[in-house]
Protein backbone atom coordinates (compact mmCIF):
# COMPACT_ATOMS: atom_id res chain seq x y z
CA MET A 1 -47.09 22.60 7.93
CA HIS A 2 -43.69 24.16 8.51
CA PHE A 3 -40.41 22.25 8.69
CA THR A 4 -40.16 22.78 12.48
CA GLU A 5 -43.55 21.17 13.03
CA SER A 6 -42.66 18.28 10.71
CA PHE A 7 -39.45 17.80 12.67
CA ARG A 8 -41.32 17.79 15.98
CA ILE A 9 -43.90 15.27 14.76
CA ALA A 10 -41.15 13.01 13.36
CA LEU A 11 -39.34 13.02 16.71
CA HIS A 12 -42.60 12.27 18.55
CA CYS A 13 -43.34 9.31 16.26
CA MET A 14 -39.80 7.96 16.69
CA LYS A 15 -40.15 8.25 20.46
CA SER A 16 -43.54 6.54 20.53
CA GLY A 17 -42.10 3.56 18.64
CA ARG A 18 -38.74 3.70 20.33
CA VAL A 19 -38.02 -0.05 20.28
CA ARG A 20 -38.63 -0.28 16.56
CA THR A 21 -36.66 2.92 15.99
CA VAL A 22 -33.67 1.69 18.01
CA LEU A 23 -33.60 -1.68 16.21
CA THR A 24 -33.77 0.08 12.84
CA MET A 25 -31.01 2.47 13.84
CA LEU A 26 -28.88 -0.45 14.97
CA GLY A 27 -28.67 -1.74 11.40
CA ILE A 28 -27.49 1.67 10.21
CA VAL A 29 -25.02 1.96 13.11
CA ILE A 30 -23.45 -1.42 12.32
CA SER A 31 -23.30 -0.67 8.58
CA VAL A 32 -21.66 2.76 9.01
CA ALA A 33 -19.21 1.47 11.63
CA ALA A 34 -18.31 -1.43 9.31
CA ILE A 35 -17.65 1.00 6.44
CA ILE A 36 -15.31 3.12 8.58
CA ALA A 37 -13.50 0.16 10.17
CA GLY A 38 -13.20 -1.73 6.89
CA ASP A 39 -11.94 1.22 4.88
CA SER A 40 -9.47 2.22 7.62
CA LEU A 41 -8.12 -1.33 7.83
CA SER A 42 -7.86 -1.49 4.04
CA ALA A 43 -6.00 1.83 3.98
CA GLY A 44 -3.58 0.56 6.63
CA LEU A 45 -2.95 -2.66 4.72
CA ARG A 46 -2.59 -0.82 1.43
CA ASN A 47 -0.13 1.77 2.72
CA THR A 48 1.88 -0.69 4.83
CA TYR A 49 2.40 -3.22 2.08
CA ARG A 50 2.70 -0.66 -0.71
CA ASP A 51 5.74 0.72 1.13
CA GLU A 52 7.10 -2.80 1.48
CA PHE A 53 6.46 -3.65 -2.16
CA ASP A 54 7.96 -0.36 -3.33
CA SER A 55 11.17 -1.20 -1.47
CA MET A 56 11.20 -4.82 -2.68
CA PHE A 57 10.01 -4.67 -6.27
CA THR A 58 11.41 -1.47 -7.77
CA SER A 59 14.70 -3.04 -8.85
CA ILE A 60 15.79 -3.32 -12.47
CA SER A 61 18.79 -5.45 -13.43
CA ILE A 62 20.92 -4.73 -16.51
CA THR A 63 23.14 -7.62 -17.59
CA PRO A 64 25.14 -8.39 -20.76
CA LYS A 65 23.35 -10.69 -23.16
CA ALA A 66 24.98 -13.99 -24.11
CA ALA A 67 26.63 -13.96 -27.54
CA ALA A 68 24.40 -16.81 -28.71
CA ALA A 69 21.35 -14.64 -28.06
CA ILE A 70 22.57 -11.84 -30.34
CA PRO A 71 21.80 -12.09 -34.08
CA GLY A 72 24.94 -13.14 -35.91
CA GLY A 73 26.55 -14.41 -32.70
CA ASN A 74 28.50 -11.19 -32.23
CA ARG A 75 30.38 -10.73 -28.99
CA PRO A 76 28.35 -8.60 -26.55
CA ARG A 77 29.77 -5.27 -25.47
CA SER A 78 30.68 -5.12 -21.77
CA LEU A 79 28.89 -2.78 -19.40
CA ARG A 80 31.35 0.02 -18.83
CA ASP A 81 31.84 3.11 -16.69
CA SER A 82 30.65 5.19 -19.65
CA ASP A 83 27.28 3.38 -19.47
CA ILE A 84 27.01 4.15 -15.76
CA ASP A 85 27.90 7.79 -16.37
CA ALA A 86 25.32 8.09 -19.17
CA LEU A 87 22.57 6.54 -17.04
CA THR A 88 23.43 8.76 -14.09
CA ARG A 89 23.49 11.94 -16.18
CA GLN A 90 20.49 11.32 -18.42
CA ALA A 91 18.14 9.48 -16.07
CA ASN A 92 14.89 11.23 -15.22
CA PRO A 93 14.86 11.57 -11.40
CA GLU A 94 11.09 11.13 -11.43
CA LEU A 95 11.58 7.62 -12.84
CA ILE A 96 15.01 6.49 -11.64
CA ALA A 97 16.11 6.99 -8.04
CA ASP A 98 19.56 5.38 -8.21
CA VAL A 99 22.08 3.75 -10.56
CA VAL A 100 24.12 0.97 -8.93
CA PRO A 101 27.22 -0.50 -10.64
CA ILE A 102 27.87 -4.06 -9.49
CA VAL A 103 30.80 -6.48 -9.64
CA SER A 104 30.58 -9.75 -7.76
CA GLY A 105 32.03 -13.17 -7.24
CA PRO A 106 32.66 -15.89 -4.63
CA VAL A 107 35.70 -15.13 -2.47
CA VAL A 108 36.97 -16.71 0.76
CA VAL A 109 36.72 -14.42 3.78
CA ARG A 110 39.05 -15.23 6.72
CA ARG A 111 39.42 -14.22 10.33
CA GLY A 112 42.23 -16.03 12.03
CA SER A 113 41.76 -19.73 11.40
CA ASP A 114 38.08 -19.32 10.55
CA LYS A 115 37.07 -18.92 6.94
CA PHE A 116 33.88 -18.69 4.91
CA ARG A 117 33.22 -18.62 1.17
CA ALA A 118 31.09 -15.50 0.75
CA ASN A 119 29.49 -13.78 -2.19
CA VAL A 120 31.50 -10.57 -2.36
CA ILE A 121 29.55 -7.69 -3.90
CA GLY A 122 31.25 -4.50 -5.04
CA ALA A 123 28.63 -1.77 -5.37
CA THR A 124 27.42 1.59 -4.11
CA PRO A 125 25.38 2.00 -0.91
CA GLY A 126 22.32 2.04 -3.19
CA TYR A 127 22.71 -1.74 -3.48
CA LEU A 128 21.13 -2.08 -0.03
CA ARG A 129 18.01 -0.24 -1.20
CA MET A 130 17.95 -2.22 -4.39
CA ARG A 131 17.99 -5.56 -2.53
CA ASN A 132 16.10 -4.33 0.54
CA TYR A 133 18.96 -5.37 2.86
CA PRO A 134 18.81 -3.72 6.31
CA VAL A 135 21.92 -2.65 8.21
CA THR A 136 21.65 -4.34 11.63
CA GLU A 137 24.84 -2.97 13.21
CA GLY A 138 27.31 -0.25 12.31
CA VAL A 139 27.07 1.96 9.22
CA VAL A 140 27.29 1.91 5.44
CA PHE A 141 30.52 3.09 3.83
CA THR A 142 30.49 6.76 2.90
CA ALA A 143 30.81 8.43 -0.50
CA ALA A 144 34.36 9.49 0.44
CA GLN A 145 35.29 5.90 1.29
CA TYR A 146 33.75 4.77 -2.00
CA GLN A 147 35.77 7.28 -4.02
CA ARG A 148 39.13 6.55 -2.36
CA GLU A 149 38.71 2.76 -2.63
CA ALA A 150 38.63 2.24 1.14
CA ARG A 151 38.97 -1.36 2.26
CA VAL A 152 35.78 -1.56 4.30
CA VAL A 153 33.09 -4.26 4.27
CA LEU A 154 29.58 -5.05 5.51
CA LEU A 155 28.98 -8.73 6.29
CA GLY A 156 25.81 -10.81 6.04
CA PRO A 157 24.35 -13.04 8.79
CA LEU A 158 25.96 -16.37 7.77
CA VAL A 159 29.37 -14.74 7.40
CA ILE A 160 29.01 -13.25 10.90
CA ASP A 161 27.96 -16.66 12.26
CA ALA A 162 31.01 -18.36 10.73
CA LEU A 163 33.64 -15.77 11.64
CA PHE A 164 32.28 -14.11 14.81
CA ALA A 165 30.01 -16.80 16.27
CA GLY A 166 27.02 -14.62 15.45
CA ASN A 167 28.22 -11.67 17.56
CA ARG A 168 27.44 -8.67 15.35
CA THR A 169 28.67 -6.13 17.90
CA ALA A 170 32.08 -7.83 18.13
CA ALA A 171 32.38 -7.77 14.35
CA ILE A 172 32.23 -3.97 14.09
CA GLY A 173 35.75 -2.54 13.86
CA SER A 174 37.37 -5.97 13.39
CA THR A 175 39.58 -6.88 10.46
CA VAL A 176 38.92 -9.74 8.05
CA GLN A 177 40.79 -10.89 4.98
CA ILE A 178 38.97 -11.08 1.69
CA GLY A 179 41.22 -13.11 -0.52
CA ARG A 180 44.57 -11.79 0.72
CA VAL A 181 43.48 -8.21 1.34
CA PRO A 182 42.61 -6.94 4.85
CA PHE A 183 39.24 -5.19 5.22
CA GLU A 184 37.71 -3.37 8.20
CA VAL A 185 34.19 -4.47 9.12
CA VAL A 186 32.07 -1.30 9.37
CA GLY A 187 28.61 -2.86 9.41
CA THR A 188 26.50 -6.00 9.41
CA LEU A 189 23.54 -6.85 7.21
CA GLY A 190 20.25 -8.63 7.89
CA GLY A 191 17.36 -10.01 5.91
CA ALA A 192 18.22 -12.04 2.83
CA ALA A 193 21.86 -10.86 2.70
CA THR A 194 22.95 -14.22 4.14
CA LEU A 195 26.17 -14.88 2.17
CA THR A 196 26.90 -11.28 1.27
CA ALA A 197 30.08 -9.29 1.87
CA LEU A 198 29.45 -5.77 0.52
CA VAL A 199 32.43 -3.54 -0.35
CA PRO A 200 32.78 -0.33 -2.42
CA MET A 201 32.75 -1.14 -6.13
CA PRO A 202 36.09 0.59 -6.94
CA THR A 203 37.69 -1.34 -4.05
CA ALA A 204 36.35 -4.67 -5.31
CA ARG A 205 37.44 -3.90 -8.85
CA GLY A 206 40.89 -2.67 -7.81
CA TYR A 207 41.78 -5.29 -5.19
CA LEU A 208 39.68 -8.38 -5.89
CA PHE A 209 38.23 -8.75 -9.40
CA GLY A 210 40.28 -6.58 -11.74
CA GLY A 211 38.76 -4.85 -14.76
CA MET A 212 39.48 -1.14 -14.83
CA HIS A 213 36.43 0.19 -16.67
CA THR A 214 33.82 -2.59 -16.68
CA VAL A 215 31.17 -3.94 -14.32
CA GLY A 216 29.34 -7.26 -14.24
CA SER A 217 25.89 -5.69 -14.09
CA ILE A 218 24.10 -2.43 -13.35
CA GLY A 219 21.22 -2.11 -10.93
CA ILE A 220 18.52 0.50 -11.35
CA VAL A 221 16.20 1.56 -8.53
CA ALA A 222 12.91 2.97 -9.82
CA THR A 223 11.23 5.67 -7.75
CA HIS A 224 8.25 3.36 -7.09
CA MET A 225 6.50 0.36 -8.62
CA GLY A 226 4.40 2.49 -10.93
CA THR A 227 7.47 3.86 -12.73
CA VAL A 228 9.30 0.57 -13.32
CA ASN A 229 8.14 0.06 -16.92
CA ALA A 230 8.83 3.70 -17.83
CA ALA A 231 12.27 3.43 -16.21
CA ILE A 232 13.08 0.33 -18.31
CA ARG A 233 12.11 2.21 -21.48
CA GLN A 234 14.40 5.08 -20.54
CA VAL A 235 17.27 2.70 -19.70
CA ASN A 236 16.87 1.04 -23.11
CA ASN A 237 16.91 4.40 -24.88
CA ILE A 238 20.08 5.52 -23.10
CA LEU A 239 21.98 2.24 -23.52
CA ASP A 240 20.88 1.81 -27.15
CA GLU A 241 22.66 5.07 -27.88
CA GLN A 242 25.71 4.01 -25.86
CA HIS A 243 25.92 0.59 -27.55
CA PHE A 244 25.02 1.86 -31.05
CA VAL A 245 21.91 -0.33 -31.16
CA LYS A 246 19.53 0.53 -34.00
CA VAL A 247 17.07 -2.37 -33.64
CA PRO A 248 15.82 -3.65 -30.25
CA GLY A 249 16.46 -7.26 -31.31
CA GLN A 250 20.20 -6.50 -31.64
CA ARG A 251 20.67 -5.32 -28.05
CA ASP A 252 23.69 -6.85 -26.35
CA TYR A 253 22.21 -6.29 -22.90
CA VAL A 254 18.98 -7.14 -21.05
CA ALA A 255 17.12 -4.74 -18.75
CA SER A 256 14.57 -6.69 -16.71
CA ALA A 257 12.43 -5.90 -13.68
CA GLU A 258 12.19 -8.02 -10.56
CA GLN A 259 8.49 -7.18 -10.28
CA THR A 260 6.35 -10.22 -11.11
CA THR A 261 5.76 -11.29 -7.53
CA GLY A 262 5.18 -7.71 -6.44
CA THR A 263 2.58 -7.14 -9.15
CA LEU A 264 0.70 -10.27 -8.10
CA ALA A 265 0.80 -9.19 -4.46
CA ILE A 266 -0.51 -5.72 -5.34
CA GLN A 267 -3.35 -7.29 -7.34
CA LEU A 268 -4.28 -9.60 -4.46
CA LEU A 269 -4.25 -6.65 -2.07
CA ALA A 270 -6.53 -4.69 -4.42
CA VAL A 271 -8.93 -7.66 -4.54
CA LEU A 272 -8.95 -7.75 -0.73
CA VAL A 273 -9.72 -4.02 -0.57
CA TRP A 274 -12.62 -4.30 -3.00
CA LEU A 275 -13.92 -7.41 -1.24
CA THR A 276 -14.00 -5.44 2.01
CA ARG A 277 -15.83 -2.54 0.36
CA THR A 278 -18.32 -4.89 -1.30
CA THR A 279 -19.07 -6.58 2.02
CA THR A 280 -19.68 -3.26 3.78
CA GLY A 281 -21.78 -2.11 0.82
CA ILE A 282 -23.99 -5.19 1.18
CA ALA A 283 -24.34 -4.45 4.91
CA LEU A 284 -25.45 -0.90 4.06
CA LEU A 285 -27.94 -2.21 1.49
CA ILE A 286 -29.44 -4.50 4.12
CA GLY A 287 -29.75 -1.50 6.44
CA THR A 288 -31.50 0.44 3.66
CA LEU A 289 -34.00 -2.36 3.04
CA GLY A 290 -34.65 -2.67 6.77
CA LEU A 291 -35.39 1.05 7.09
CA ALA A 292 -37.63 1.02 4.00
CA ASN A 293 -39.57 -1.91 5.43
CA ILE A 294 -40.07 -0.13 8.76
CA MET A 295 -41.26 3.01 6.98
CA PHE A 296 -43.81 0.99 4.99
CA ILE A 297 -45.10 -0.50 8.24
CA THR A 298 -45.22 2.96 9.82
CA VAL A 299 -47.25 4.37 6.93
CA THR A 300 -49.68 1.45 7.11
CA GLU A 301 -50.14 1.77 10.88
CA ARG A 302 -50.75 5.53 10.64
CA THR A 303 -53.07 5.51 7.64
CA ASN A 304 -56.01 6.77 9.73
CA GLU A 305 -53.84 9.59 11.14
CA ILE A 306 -52.88 10.56 7.60
CA GLY A 307 -56.58 10.66 6.63
CA VAL A 308 -57.47 12.93 9.57
CA ARG A 309 -54.65 15.33 8.78
CA ARG A 310 -55.54 15.41 5.09
CA ALA A 311 -59.21 16.01 5.97
CA ILE A 312 -58.36 19.07 8.09
CA GLY A 313 -56.28 20.63 5.36
CA ALA A 314 -52.75 19.13 5.44
CA ARG A 315 -51.18 19.23 2.00
CA ARG A 316 -49.56 16.27 0.29
CA ALA A 317 -46.17 18.02 0.52
CA ALA A 318 -46.52 18.22 4.32
CA ILE A 319 -47.28 14.49 4.61
CA LEU A 320 -44.37 13.69 2.27
CA ARG A 321 -42.04 15.92 4.24
CA GLN A 322 -43.04 14.39 7.57
CA PHE A 323 -42.37 10.77 6.65
CA LEU A 324 -39.28 11.56 4.59
CA LEU A 325 -37.87 13.58 7.47
CA GLU A 326 -38.55 10.73 9.88
CA ALA A 327 -36.62 8.28 7.69
CA VAL A 328 -33.70 10.68 7.29
CA LEU A 329 -33.62 11.35 11.04
CA ILE A 330 -33.50 7.64 11.87
CA ALA A 331 -30.71 7.08 9.35
CA GLY A 332 -28.84 10.28 10.30
CA ILE A 333 -28.85 9.58 14.03
CA GLY A 334 -27.88 5.99 13.37
CA GLY A 335 -25.11 7.22 11.04
CA ALA A 336 -23.76 9.64 13.64
CA ILE A 337 -23.66 6.90 16.26
CA GLY A 338 -22.09 4.57 13.70
CA VAL A 339 -19.36 7.12 12.98
CA GLY A 340 -18.58 7.25 16.71
CA VAL A 341 -18.50 3.45 16.98
CA GLY A 342 -16.33 3.19 13.85
CA VAL A 343 -13.85 5.80 15.12
CA ALA A 344 -13.62 4.00 18.47
CA ALA A 345 -13.00 0.68 16.68
CA VAL A 346 -10.25 2.21 14.52
CA ILE A 347 -8.52 3.83 17.51
CA ALA A 348 -8.65 0.51 19.36
CA GLY A 349 -7.17 -1.18 16.27
CA GLN A 350 -4.36 1.40 16.07
CA ARG A 351 -3.37 0.51 19.63
CA CYS A 352 -3.86 -3.27 19.47
CA PHE A 353 -2.79 -4.30 15.96
CA PRO A 354 0.91 -3.37 16.26
CA VAL A 355 1.12 -5.70 19.28
CA LEU A 356 -1.38 -8.45 18.51
CA ALA A 357 -1.55 -8.52 14.70
CA PRO A 358 1.22 -6.46 13.07
CA VAL A 359 0.65 -8.28 9.76
CA PHE A 360 -2.53 -6.21 9.28
CA GLY A 361 -0.68 -2.92 9.45
CA ILE A 362 -2.01 0.09 11.34
CA PRO A 363 -5.58 1.19 10.46
CA GLU A 364 -5.63 4.72 9.08
CA LEU A 365 -8.54 7.04 9.77
CA SER A 366 -9.43 9.78 7.31
CA ILE A 367 -11.90 12.65 7.43
CA GLN A 368 -13.02 11.74 3.92
CA THR A 369 -14.05 8.25 5.05
CA LEU A 370 -15.99 9.64 8.03
CA ALA A 371 -17.77 12.21 5.86
CA ALA A 372 -18.55 9.62 3.18
CA ALA A 373 -19.91 7.13 5.73
CA PHE A 374 -22.18 9.72 7.36
CA GLY A 375 -23.27 11.03 3.95
CA LEU A 376 -24.18 7.48 2.92
CA SER A 377 -26.32 7.10 6.03
CA LEU A 378 -28.29 10.23 5.06
CA LEU A 379 -28.59 8.90 1.51
CA VAL A 380 -29.91 5.63 2.92
CA GLY A 381 -32.60 7.54 4.82
CA LEU A 382 -33.52 9.51 1.73
CA LEU A 383 -33.74 6.43 -0.52
CA ALA A 384 -35.49 4.24 2.03
CA GLY A 385 -38.03 6.91 2.94
CA THR A 386 -38.88 8.32 -0.48
CA TYR A 387 -41.34 5.69 -1.72
CA PRO A 388 -43.15 5.13 1.63
CA ALA A 389 -43.44 8.93 2.01
CA LEU A 390 -44.81 9.27 -1.54
CA ARG A 391 -47.29 6.50 -0.85
CA ALA A 392 -48.44 8.24 2.34
CA SER A 393 -48.84 11.59 0.58
CA ARG A 394 -50.94 10.05 -2.23
CA LEU A 395 -53.52 8.46 0.06
CA HIS A 396 -57.00 9.84 -0.55
CA PRO A 397 -58.42 11.33 2.68
CA TRP A 398 -61.70 9.36 2.40
CA ASN A 399 -59.93 6.04 1.85
CA ALA A 400 -57.48 6.77 4.66
CA LEU A 401 -60.33 7.62 7.11
CA ARG A 402 -62.06 4.34 6.26
CA TYR A 403 -58.92 2.31 7.07
């Protein structure tokens, strides 16, 4: 019996038992759609929060170590401009995205009779990326303003509330006094920058804190979370040379990552992704068992038919091909419908989630997921139909005719 005839007989048998066929397909449809929807939702969650975590947990802080923590109680060497220059020149751009010198301290900020004790930060614009502080109004100071020690400042939310009654727009272009020095407000900050007043580092060092060639700390921004540990190793190598450190225990500085919470969050997200995949895998297994059960019933019900066909000359391979093809057709058609249902569900999620549930991110559909889901449906048909088809092909014609 040729493949075309096997195909025609399989379609006829599916049509004659259409209710059973549809119910069996429904399990495959639901399983395949669940795989596509679950994987797309997982991809959206993973990409959305990976971007967030990369911006939040790629920071490395370099601070001087206390003298008591250094063997022999030696006085720690300050972090100097030469350290910043060495890190900037020698840093591998694939590991380190930015080097941020930082000086800071509490200073009173005034506007007229209003005043507020803010945390004044002198740094580069990279400080905003390091701390994940958004600019809500205005702009960040430019490289030219940084180099010429321009007296410009970006103010955090609580500072704006105290000095401008929360009016961020009114703050832009206004003048405030930090200590006794007038500064122009060029931008406002949001997020966790509540008490912050950000100014160019040379300006802060020249007008507010003194210290011609030293900084209080150095911030490092790694390219992404996966490079944080390698970036710390490179920072240690560069600064060991700068500070003449021969043994790691004698370092007069500490380079530490602000990554613990981010690592835990990434691990929890990975658990969620695998939990979703496991659940959809169980659903697919149930669909496989359901199809196998139906094929066993089909073989039993058609035992006499198998005996007649074997008696008139049908080969075992033809019987095997017929039942195996029927199982693959049921699973394949169900898989194709499931792909359509899954795609429709993902498109609906892409439109609804940003409005109704933005915390879940935006589901992301991929051709690889669609192909894998449909391929799994065909594999389900092959696995579920193999043993029933083998059983049908091994029936002795005489025993089958007596059934």
